[in-house]
N, C-alpha and C. Protein backbone atom coordinates (compact mmCIF):
# COMPACT_ATOMS: atom_id res chain seq x y z
N MET A 1 57.92 -44.48 156.37
CA MET A 1 57.27 -44.33 157.46
C MET A 1 58.79 -43.92 158.42
N ARG A 2 58.25 -43.04 159.23
CA ARG A 2 59.17 -41.90 160.22
C ARG A 2 59.64 -42.92 161.19
N LYS A 3 61.19 -42.95 161.18
CA LYS A 3 61.80 -43.60 162.68
C LYS A 3 61.82 -42.56 163.77
N THR A 4 61.58 -43.49 164.87
CA THR A 4 61.49 -42.35 165.97
C THR A 4 62.25 -43.31 167.11
N GLU A 5 63.30 -42.71 168.07
CA GLU A 5 63.76 -43.30 169.39
C GLU A 5 62.90 -44.23 170.18
N PHE A 6 63.37 -45.50 170.48
CA PHE A 6 62.75 -46.32 171.25
C PHE A 6 63.62 -46.64 172.36
N THR A 7 63.00 -47.04 173.37
CA THR A 7 64.04 -47.56 174.63
C THR A 7 63.71 -49.14 174.85
N ILE A 8 64.40 -49.77 174.78
CA ILE A 8 64.12 -51.32 174.49
C ILE A 8 64.66 -51.84 176.19
N THR A 9 63.65 -52.46 177.11
CA THR A 9 64.60 -53.11 178.29
C THR A 9 64.24 -54.50 178.13
N VAL A 10 65.36 -55.15 178.33
CA VAL A 10 65.23 -56.57 178.20
C VAL A 10 65.51 -57.02 179.83
N PHE A 11 65.15 -58.10 180.23
CA PHE A 11 65.28 -58.39 181.58
C PHE A 11 65.85 -59.77 181.01
N SER A 12 67.09 -60.64 181.95
CA SER A 12 67.58 -61.59 181.58
C SER A 12 68.47 -62.00 182.82
N GLU A 13 68.61 -63.60 182.86
CA GLU A 13 69.69 -64.15 183.61
C GLU A 13 71.08 -63.54 183.12
N ASN A 14 71.89 -63.66 184.10
CA ASN A 14 73.41 -63.19 184.02
C ASN A 14 74.11 -64.36 183.36
N VAL A 15 74.34 -64.58 181.71
CA VAL A 15 74.62 -65.21 181.20
C VAL A 15 75.76 -64.67 180.19
N THR A 16 76.84 -65.73 180.15
CA THR A 16 78.06 -65.08 179.15
C THR A 16 77.34 -65.33 177.49
N GLY A 17 77.64 -64.57 176.89
CA GLY A 17 77.39 -64.30 175.49
C GLY A 17 75.85 -63.94 175.41
N LEU A 18 75.11 -63.67 175.99
CA LEU A 18 73.59 -63.05 176.14
C LEU A 18 73.70 -62.27 175.00
N MET A 19 74.72 -60.86 175.79
CA MET A 19 74.65 -59.59 175.00
C MET A 19 75.06 -59.73 173.58
N ALA A 20 75.94 -60.42 173.23
CA ALA A 20 76.88 -60.63 171.79
C ALA A 20 75.53 -61.16 171.21
N ARG A 21 74.67 -62.18 171.60
CA ARG A 21 73.40 -62.63 170.52
C ARG A 21 72.38 -61.71 170.51
N ILE A 22 72.24 -60.82 171.42
CA ILE A 22 70.95 -59.99 171.12
C ILE A 22 71.93 -58.34 170.63
N VAL A 23 72.67 -58.39 170.39
CA VAL A 23 73.78 -57.44 169.33
C VAL A 23 73.25 -57.99 168.15
N ALA A 24 73.49 -59.25 167.97
CA ALA A 24 73.22 -60.15 166.73
C ALA A 24 71.99 -59.89 166.02
N VAL A 25 71.07 -60.25 166.95
CA VAL A 25 69.73 -59.95 166.43
C VAL A 25 69.33 -58.68 165.83
N ILE A 26 69.84 -57.64 166.96
CA ILE A 26 69.74 -56.48 165.75
C ILE A 26 70.32 -56.21 164.99
N THR A 27 71.93 -56.09 164.57
CA THR A 27 72.41 -55.98 163.32
C THR A 27 71.99 -56.97 162.35
N ARG A 28 71.54 -58.05 162.38
CA ARG A 28 70.98 -58.79 161.49
C ARG A 28 69.83 -57.90 160.72
N ARG A 29 69.24 -57.31 161.49
CA ARG A 29 67.77 -56.48 161.14
C ARG A 29 68.72 -54.99 160.41
N HIS A 30 69.86 -54.82 160.33
CA HIS A 30 70.60 -53.73 159.68
C HIS A 30 69.87 -52.54 160.65
N MET A 31 69.99 -52.64 161.98
CA MET A 31 69.59 -51.53 162.99
C MET A 31 70.88 -50.91 163.65
N ASN A 32 70.82 -49.87 164.00
CA ASN A 32 72.10 -49.52 164.69
C ASN A 32 71.72 -48.96 166.20
N ILE A 33 72.26 -49.35 167.04
CA ILE A 33 72.17 -49.36 168.39
C ILE A 33 72.95 -48.04 168.48
N GLU A 34 72.02 -46.97 169.34
CA GLU A 34 72.47 -45.69 169.92
C GLU A 34 73.00 -45.61 171.19
N SER A 35 73.05 -46.47 171.91
CA SER A 35 73.25 -46.43 173.09
C SER A 35 72.83 -47.91 173.57
N LEU A 36 73.70 -48.57 174.91
CA LEU A 36 73.77 -50.05 175.13
C LEU A 36 74.09 -50.06 176.70
N THR A 37 73.28 -49.97 177.86
CA THR A 37 73.93 -50.58 178.84
C THR A 37 73.00 -51.42 179.86
N VAL A 38 74.17 -52.18 180.34
CA VAL A 38 73.69 -53.49 181.01
C VAL A 38 74.01 -53.17 182.58
N SER A 39 73.11 -53.63 183.63
CA SER A 39 73.19 -53.66 184.71
C SER A 39 72.16 -54.25 185.69
N LYS A 40 72.31 -54.53 187.00
CA LYS A 40 71.37 -55.29 187.89
C LYS A 40 70.13 -54.78 187.54
N SER A 41 69.35 -55.70 188.02
CA SER A 41 67.70 -54.98 187.70
C SER A 41 67.32 -55.16 189.39
N SER A 42 66.00 -54.52 189.56
CA SER A 42 65.70 -54.47 191.05
C SER A 42 65.05 -55.62 191.81
N ILE A 43 65.30 -56.73 190.71
CA ILE A 43 65.02 -58.27 191.00
C ILE A 43 66.26 -58.96 191.21
N GLU A 44 66.40 -59.73 192.62
CA GLU A 44 67.68 -60.41 192.92
C GLU A 44 68.16 -61.52 191.50
N GLY A 45 69.45 -61.22 191.25
CA GLY A 45 69.78 -62.14 189.93
C GLY A 45 69.06 -62.18 188.55
N ILE A 46 68.48 -61.27 188.43
CA ILE A 46 68.21 -60.54 187.13
C ILE A 46 68.97 -59.18 186.55
N HIS A 47 69.21 -59.28 185.10
CA HIS A 47 70.04 -58.11 184.65
C HIS A 47 69.13 -57.35 183.75
N ARG A 48 69.47 -56.43 183.66
CA ARG A 48 68.46 -55.48 182.96
C ARG A 48 69.33 -54.70 181.77
N PHE A 49 68.82 -54.72 180.11
CA PHE A 49 69.74 -54.32 179.11
C PHE A 49 68.92 -52.71 178.87
N THR A 50 69.61 -51.91 178.75
CA THR A 50 68.53 -50.61 178.15
C THR A 50 69.41 -50.26 176.87
N ILE A 51 68.56 -50.50 175.71
CA ILE A 51 69.03 -50.19 174.38
C ILE A 51 68.03 -49.33 173.80
N VAL A 52 68.73 -48.50 173.28
CA VAL A 52 68.20 -47.32 172.57
C VAL A 52 68.50 -47.41 171.08
N ILE A 53 67.25 -47.13 170.52
CA ILE A 53 67.29 -47.63 169.02
C ILE A 53 66.44 -46.73 168.06
N LYS A 54 66.81 -45.83 166.75
CA LYS A 54 66.04 -45.04 166.50
C LYS A 54 65.45 -46.35 165.06
N GLU A 55 64.11 -46.25 165.12
CA GLU A 55 63.51 -47.41 164.10
C GLU A 55 62.10 -47.08 164.13
N THR A 56 61.16 -47.51 162.84
CA THR A 56 60.04 -47.78 162.85
C THR A 56 59.31 -48.35 164.00
N GLU A 57 58.21 -48.09 164.82
CA GLU A 57 57.43 -48.99 165.77
C GLU A 57 57.10 -50.08 165.49
N GLU A 58 57.14 -50.37 164.18
CA GLU A 58 56.61 -51.91 163.62
C GLU A 58 58.00 -53.00 163.60
N ASN A 59 58.85 -51.91 163.34
CA ASN A 59 60.34 -52.87 163.26
C ASN A 59 60.72 -53.15 164.87
N ILE A 60 60.44 -52.00 165.54
CA ILE A 60 60.69 -52.46 167.16
C ILE A 60 60.07 -53.29 167.62
N ARG A 61 58.73 -53.70 167.33
CA ARG A 61 57.91 -54.46 167.73
C ARG A 61 58.31 -55.94 167.17
N LYS A 62 58.63 -56.32 165.85
CA LYS A 62 59.35 -57.33 165.65
C LYS A 62 60.40 -57.73 166.04
N LEU A 63 61.14 -56.76 166.51
CA LEU A 63 62.66 -56.73 167.05
C LEU A 63 62.69 -57.13 168.59
N VAL A 64 61.87 -56.72 169.49
CA VAL A 64 61.65 -57.13 170.89
C VAL A 64 61.14 -58.38 170.62
N ALA A 65 59.90 -58.88 169.93
CA ALA A 65 59.77 -60.13 169.57
C ALA A 65 60.81 -60.97 169.41
N GLN A 66 61.63 -61.04 168.35
CA GLN A 66 62.80 -61.93 168.18
C GLN A 66 63.46 -61.82 169.49
N ILE A 67 63.86 -60.92 170.26
CA ILE A 67 64.69 -60.59 171.47
C ILE A 67 64.32 -61.93 172.57
N ASP A 68 63.03 -61.78 172.56
CA ASP A 68 62.45 -62.22 173.75
C ASP A 68 62.49 -63.76 173.00
N LYS A 69 62.57 -64.53 172.41
CA LYS A 69 62.76 -65.67 171.74
C LYS A 69 64.23 -66.34 172.35
N GLN A 70 65.44 -65.69 172.74
CA GLN A 70 66.32 -66.13 173.47
C GLN A 70 65.96 -66.65 174.79
N VAL A 71 67.02 -67.79 174.79
CA VAL A 71 66.91 -68.79 176.15
C VAL A 71 66.41 -67.93 177.33
N GLU A 72 67.60 -67.58 177.61
CA GLU A 72 68.18 -66.88 178.89
C GLU A 72 67.09 -65.36 179.07
N VAL A 73 66.68 -64.86 178.17
CA VAL A 73 65.61 -63.60 178.29
C VAL A 73 64.41 -64.13 178.87
N LEU A 74 64.01 -63.41 179.93
CA LEU A 74 63.02 -63.33 180.82
C LEU A 74 61.76 -62.65 180.10
N LYS A 75 62.07 -61.37 179.61
CA LYS A 75 61.03 -60.72 179.30
C LYS A 75 61.83 -59.38 178.22
N ALA A 76 61.25 -59.11 177.47
CA ALA A 76 61.83 -57.75 176.64
C ALA A 76 60.37 -56.50 176.35
N PHE A 77 60.60 -55.49 176.51
CA PHE A 77 59.69 -54.51 176.36
C PHE A 77 60.70 -53.33 175.77
N TYR A 78 59.45 -52.39 175.24
CA TYR A 78 60.10 -51.25 174.14
C TYR A 78 59.38 -49.90 174.81
N TYR A 79 59.70 -49.04 174.99
CA TYR A 79 58.97 -47.75 175.43
C TYR A 79 59.26 -46.45 174.33
N LYS A 80 58.40 -45.84 174.44
CA LYS A 80 58.59 -44.21 173.70
C LYS A 80 59.33 -43.54 175.00
N ASN A 81 59.62 -42.30 174.39
CA ASN A 81 61.00 -41.38 175.25
C ASN A 81 59.58 -40.73 176.05
N ASN A 82 58.07 -40.62 175.87
CA ASN A 82 57.19 -40.04 177.11
C ASN A 82 57.31 -40.90 177.93
N GLU A 83 57.51 -42.25 177.77
CA GLU A 83 56.91 -43.12 178.65
C GLU A 83 57.95 -43.92 179.87
N ILE A 84 59.49 -43.05 179.58
CA ILE A 84 60.08 -43.23 180.72
C ILE A 84 61.07 -41.99 181.09
N VAL A 85 61.63 -42.29 182.25
CA VAL A 85 62.67 -41.22 182.66
C VAL A 85 63.93 -41.27 182.46
N HIS A 86 64.79 -40.43 182.06
CA HIS A 86 66.18 -41.20 181.45
C HIS A 86 67.17 -40.50 181.68
N GLN A 87 68.10 -40.64 181.71
CA GLN A 87 69.69 -39.95 181.93
C GLN A 87 70.60 -40.21 181.41
N GLU A 88 71.86 -39.68 181.01
CA GLU A 88 73.21 -40.33 180.82
C GLU A 88 74.29 -39.19 181.40
N ILE A 89 75.07 -39.75 181.95
CA ILE A 89 76.63 -39.52 182.75
C ILE A 89 77.46 -38.98 181.81
N ALA A 90 77.79 -37.59 181.45
CA ALA A 90 79.29 -37.28 180.84
C ALA A 90 80.17 -37.02 181.82
N LEU A 91 81.83 -37.52 181.15
CA LEU A 91 82.76 -36.90 182.05
C LEU A 91 83.89 -36.16 180.90
N TYR A 92 84.40 -34.68 181.53
CA TYR A 92 84.85 -34.00 180.40
C TYR A 92 86.14 -33.73 181.58
N LYS A 93 87.37 -34.14 181.04
CA LYS A 93 89.18 -33.69 181.35
C LYS A 93 89.35 -32.36 180.65
N ILE A 94 89.49 -31.55 181.56
CA ILE A 94 89.86 -30.41 180.78
C ILE A 94 91.11 -29.81 181.40
N PRO A 95 92.03 -29.03 180.71
CA PRO A 95 93.38 -28.41 181.37
C PRO A 95 93.24 -27.52 182.64
N SER A 96 93.84 -27.90 183.68
CA SER A 96 93.69 -27.13 184.66
C SER A 96 94.17 -25.53 184.80
N ALA A 97 95.02 -25.44 183.49
CA ALA A 97 95.35 -24.10 183.50
C ALA A 97 94.01 -23.29 182.66
N ALA A 98 93.01 -23.92 182.47
CA ALA A 98 91.89 -23.30 182.37
C ALA A 98 90.94 -22.44 183.62
N PHE A 99 91.35 -23.00 184.60
CA PHE A 99 90.95 -22.22 185.56
C PHE A 99 91.83 -21.05 186.15
N TYR A 100 92.84 -21.00 185.46
CA TYR A 100 94.09 -19.68 185.81
C TYR A 100 93.25 -18.52 185.13
N LYS A 101 92.41 -18.55 184.15
CA LYS A 101 92.19 -17.31 183.37
C LYS A 101 90.91 -16.95 183.46
N GLY A 102 90.42 -17.05 184.93
CA GLY A 102 88.94 -16.13 185.55
C GLY A 102 88.34 -17.44 185.98
N ASN A 103 87.23 -16.77 185.73
CA ASN A 103 86.06 -17.49 186.33
C ASN A 103 84.94 -18.19 185.18
N GLU A 104 85.57 -18.02 184.02
CA GLU A 104 84.64 -18.57 182.69
C GLU A 104 84.24 -20.37 182.90
N VAL A 105 85.16 -20.95 183.32
CA VAL A 105 84.84 -22.40 183.36
C VAL A 105 84.07 -22.69 184.96
N GLU A 106 84.18 -21.85 185.73
CA GLU A 106 83.47 -22.24 187.00
C GLU A 106 81.95 -21.77 186.59
N LYS A 107 81.48 -20.57 185.74
CA LYS A 107 80.28 -20.21 185.42
C LYS A 107 79.82 -21.22 184.65
N LEU A 108 80.69 -21.69 183.71
CA LEU A 108 79.94 -23.05 182.85
C LEU A 108 79.59 -23.86 183.45
N VAL A 109 80.35 -24.45 184.78
CA VAL A 109 80.10 -25.91 185.60
C VAL A 109 78.75 -25.24 186.17
N ARG A 110 78.45 -23.72 186.52
CA ARG A 110 77.14 -23.56 187.19
C ARG A 110 76.09 -23.64 186.18
N ASN A 111 76.33 -23.05 185.10
CA ASN A 111 75.05 -22.79 184.09
C ASN A 111 75.07 -23.93 183.64
N HIS A 112 75.89 -25.04 183.80
CA HIS A 112 75.28 -26.42 183.32
C HIS A 112 74.90 -27.33 184.09
N SER A 113 74.82 -26.72 185.32
CA SER A 113 74.38 -27.57 186.50
C SER A 113 75.16 -29.29 186.53
N ALA A 114 76.71 -28.46 186.15
CA ALA A 114 77.54 -30.06 186.70
C ALA A 114 78.22 -29.71 187.92
N ARG A 115 79.30 -30.41 187.89
CA ARG A 115 79.91 -30.52 189.21
C ARG A 115 81.53 -31.06 188.81
N ILE A 116 82.72 -30.47 189.68
CA ILE A 116 83.72 -30.87 189.45
C ILE A 116 83.85 -31.91 190.29
N LEU A 117 84.53 -33.03 189.82
CA LEU A 117 84.98 -34.62 190.59
C LEU A 117 86.12 -34.60 190.96
N SER A 118 87.01 -34.04 190.28
CA SER A 118 88.64 -34.00 190.73
C SER A 118 89.44 -33.08 190.38
N ILE A 119 90.25 -32.56 191.04
CA ILE A 119 91.09 -31.44 190.60
C ILE A 119 92.53 -31.88 190.60
N GLU A 120 93.25 -32.21 189.83
CA GLU A 120 94.82 -32.66 190.06
C GLU A 120 95.55 -31.38 189.13
N SER A 121 96.66 -31.66 189.39
CA SER A 121 97.65 -30.36 188.79
C SER A 121 97.79 -30.13 187.28
N ASP A 122 97.40 -31.33 186.65
CA ASP A 122 97.26 -31.17 184.95
C ASP A 122 95.92 -31.02 184.71
N TYR A 123 95.20 -31.58 184.78
CA TYR A 123 93.94 -31.47 184.65
C TYR A 123 92.73 -31.55 185.60
N ILE A 124 91.24 -31.41 185.24
CA ILE A 124 90.14 -30.96 186.10
C ILE A 124 89.17 -32.18 185.59
N VAL A 125 88.30 -32.91 186.06
CA VAL A 125 87.58 -33.73 185.53
C VAL A 125 86.11 -33.10 186.15
N ILE A 126 85.07 -33.07 185.28
CA ILE A 126 83.79 -32.20 185.41
C ILE A 126 82.48 -33.28 184.89
N GLU A 127 81.89 -33.30 185.94
CA GLU A 127 80.75 -34.23 185.78
C GLU A 127 79.39 -33.46 185.10
N LYS A 128 78.84 -34.39 184.16
CA LYS A 128 77.71 -33.76 183.86
C LYS A 128 76.16 -34.66 183.65
N THR A 129 75.19 -34.75 184.45
CA THR A 129 74.16 -35.77 183.95
C THR A 129 73.27 -35.28 183.09
N GLY A 130 72.47 -35.70 182.26
CA GLY A 130 71.20 -35.28 181.78
C GLY A 130 71.12 -35.77 180.52
N HIS A 131 70.37 -35.26 179.60
CA HIS A 131 69.86 -35.67 178.16
C HIS A 131 71.34 -35.49 177.16
N PRO A 132 71.56 -36.17 176.17
CA PRO A 132 72.42 -36.05 174.96
C PRO A 132 72.78 -34.65 174.40
N LYS A 133 71.81 -33.72 174.35
CA LYS A 133 71.52 -32.77 173.96
C LYS A 133 72.34 -31.57 175.38
N GLU A 134 72.20 -31.83 176.24
CA GLU A 134 72.67 -31.06 177.20
C GLU A 134 74.11 -31.47 177.67
N THR A 135 74.44 -32.60 177.34
CA THR A 135 75.70 -33.13 177.47
C THR A 135 76.72 -32.48 176.29
N GLU A 136 76.05 -32.74 175.03
CA GLU A 136 76.87 -32.14 174.24
C GLU A 136 76.67 -30.64 174.45
N ALA A 137 75.74 -29.86 175.03
CA ALA A 137 75.95 -28.56 174.89
C ALA A 137 77.11 -27.98 175.80
N LEU A 138 77.58 -28.96 177.02
CA LEU A 138 78.81 -28.61 177.75
C LEU A 138 79.58 -28.61 177.26
N LEU A 139 79.80 -29.76 176.33
CA LEU A 139 81.30 -30.27 175.23
C LEU A 139 81.43 -29.28 174.47
N LYS A 140 80.46 -28.30 173.88
CA LYS A 140 80.75 -27.35 172.86
C LYS A 140 81.45 -26.07 173.74
N GLU A 141 80.85 -26.22 174.78
CA GLU A 141 81.40 -24.90 175.52
C GLU A 141 82.84 -25.10 175.56
N LEU A 142 83.19 -26.26 176.52
CA LEU A 142 84.32 -26.61 177.00
C LEU A 142 85.64 -26.73 175.65
N LYS A 143 85.13 -27.12 174.41
CA LYS A 143 86.02 -27.21 173.19
C LYS A 143 86.98 -26.16 173.18
N LYS A 144 85.91 -24.82 173.41
CA LYS A 144 86.68 -23.23 172.97
C LYS A 144 87.43 -22.98 174.03
N ILE A 145 87.31 -23.66 175.47
CA ILE A 145 88.54 -23.62 176.38
C ILE A 145 89.57 -24.51 175.95
N GLY A 146 89.34 -26.00 175.68
CA GLY A 146 90.56 -26.83 175.33
C GLY A 146 89.87 -28.11 176.16
N ILE A 147 89.98 -29.14 175.55
CA ILE A 147 89.29 -30.45 176.55
C ILE A 147 90.52 -31.31 176.15
N TYR A 148 90.82 -32.40 176.84
CA TYR A 148 91.53 -33.39 176.99
C TYR A 148 90.75 -34.40 176.58
N GLU A 149 89.65 -35.12 177.37
CA GLU A 149 88.91 -36.18 176.89
C GLU A 149 87.19 -35.70 177.06
N PHE A 150 86.85 -36.76 176.19
CA PHE A 150 85.43 -36.65 176.61
C PHE A 150 84.68 -38.12 176.74
N VAL A 151 83.68 -38.71 177.70
CA VAL A 151 83.06 -40.03 177.58
C VAL A 151 81.43 -39.42 177.93
N ARG A 152 80.82 -40.24 177.57
CA ARG A 152 79.71 -40.33 177.62
C ARG A 152 78.92 -41.62 177.83
N SER A 153 77.89 -42.19 179.07
CA SER A 153 77.77 -43.21 179.44
C SER A 153 76.32 -43.66 178.20
N GLY A 154 75.87 -44.71 178.27
CA GLY A 154 74.53 -45.26 177.74
C GLY A 154 73.52 -44.87 178.76
N ARG A 155 72.36 -44.62 178.31
CA ARG A 155 71.08 -44.46 178.79
C ARG A 155 70.68 -45.27 179.62
N VAL A 156 70.42 -44.66 180.74
CA VAL A 156 69.72 -45.39 181.79
C VAL A 156 68.18 -44.84 181.97
N ALA A 157 67.21 -45.81 182.26
CA ALA A 157 65.94 -45.54 182.20
C ALA A 157 65.39 -46.09 183.28
N ILE A 158 64.22 -45.42 183.48
CA ILE A 158 62.87 -45.96 184.48
C ILE A 158 61.80 -45.57 183.66
N VAL A 159 60.96 -46.64 184.02
CA VAL A 159 59.47 -46.70 182.80
C VAL A 159 58.64 -46.07 184.05
N LYS A 160 57.61 -45.10 182.90
CA LYS A 160 56.63 -44.78 183.99
C LYS A 160 55.47 -45.17 184.54
N PRO A 161 55.02 -46.24 183.81
CA PRO A 161 53.86 -47.40 184.11
C PRO A 161 55.04 -48.29 185.05
N MET A 162 54.09 -48.61 186.08
CA MET A 162 55.04 -49.80 186.91
C MET A 162 55.79 -50.88 186.41
N GLU A 163 56.72 -51.18 186.77
CA GLU A 163 57.61 -52.21 185.93
C GLU A 163 56.72 -53.16 185.75
N ARG A 164 56.70 -53.53 184.26
CA ARG A 164 56.08 -54.65 183.55
C ARG A 164 56.64 -55.90 183.76
N LEU A 165 58.01 -55.97 183.93
CA LEU A 165 58.33 -57.30 184.58
C LEU A 165 57.85 -57.84 185.98
N ASN A 166 57.51 -57.07 186.47
CA ASN A 166 56.84 -57.65 188.17
C ASN A 166 55.86 -57.93 187.78
N ASN A 167 55.11 -57.42 187.08
CA ASN A 167 53.69 -57.93 186.93
C ASN A 167 53.58 -59.20 185.98
N TYR A 168 54.49 -59.33 184.67
CA TYR A 168 54.54 -60.75 184.02
C TYR A 168 55.10 -61.62 184.94
N LEU A 169 55.91 -61.12 185.92
CA LEU A 169 56.22 -62.44 186.82
C LEU A 169 55.54 -63.22 187.60
N LYS A 170 54.64 -62.05 188.10
CA LYS A 170 53.44 -62.47 189.01
C LYS A 170 52.34 -63.31 188.00
N SER A 171 52.11 -62.71 186.92
CA SER A 171 51.37 -63.49 185.99
C SER A 171 51.88 -65.32 185.57
N LEU A 172 53.01 -65.32 185.56
CA LEU A 172 53.41 -66.31 185.47
C LEU A 172 53.46 -67.53 186.57
N GLU A 173 53.94 -66.58 187.62
CA GLU A 173 53.69 -67.31 189.05
C GLU A 173 52.17 -67.89 189.52
N GLN A 174 51.56 -67.22 189.37
CA GLN A 174 49.88 -67.42 189.26
C GLN A 174 49.56 -68.52 188.56
N THR A 175 49.66 -68.48 187.23
CA THR A 175 49.52 -69.72 186.30
C THR A 175 50.20 -70.81 186.66
N ALA A 176 51.16 -70.82 186.86
CA ALA A 176 52.10 -71.82 187.81
C ALA A 176 51.06 -72.58 188.92
N ASN A 177 50.87 -71.60 189.71
CA ASN A 177 50.07 -72.00 190.95
C ASN A 177 48.65 -72.70 190.65
N ARG A 178 47.88 -72.24 189.39
CA ARG A 178 46.76 -72.75 189.05
C ARG A 178 46.97 -74.34 188.31
N GLU A 179 48.06 -74.54 187.47
CA GLU A 179 48.53 -75.29 187.07
C GLU A 179 48.91 -76.67 188.42
N SER A 180 49.71 -76.10 188.92
CA SER A 180 49.90 -77.29 190.23
C SER A 180 48.93 -77.50 190.95
N GLU A 181 47.54 -76.58 191.30
CA GLU A 181 46.27 -77.05 192.02
C GLU A 181 45.70 -78.15 191.09
N LEU A 182 45.72 -78.02 189.76
CA LEU A 182 44.83 -78.70 188.91
C LEU A 182 45.57 -80.11 188.94
N ASN A 183 46.95 -80.16 189.07
CA ASN A 183 47.35 -81.77 189.04
C ASN A 183 47.10 -82.34 190.34
């Protein structure tokens, strides 16, 4: 079976140790995490994990079901790349001297739709947002000039369908309301 890139979103309470448990579930299944990002979600008090894994859909479905069983996890979902809008951010630190040799670096920054964040006497920091191929392309060009540091964030993603967690929470609330009416 062919492995495909999937983005898993996990909604949870913000508790110590949950990330380690989720990572343990993934590693026990001998899967490699391509990217992992954690942040607040759009719902007060709920955090969101965004995990990228290349795997078969059957294995991802089983993995998401296993993650869902963690006590503090409210709900986990998985998506194919065509179901999400995603970006990453990359930072590049290059020697300031690279700018003294003409406008080559300035053209690179413009051609790659990047921007300069900081200009210091010894170095310049450039920011690029996009998909990994785009940030890697700029890195390749900057390596020819000289680069001190490079770092790229994990994926941040918004799903194209309406946020499934809100719908899930509403259905739980409606079920709870019906049950309280019956009692």
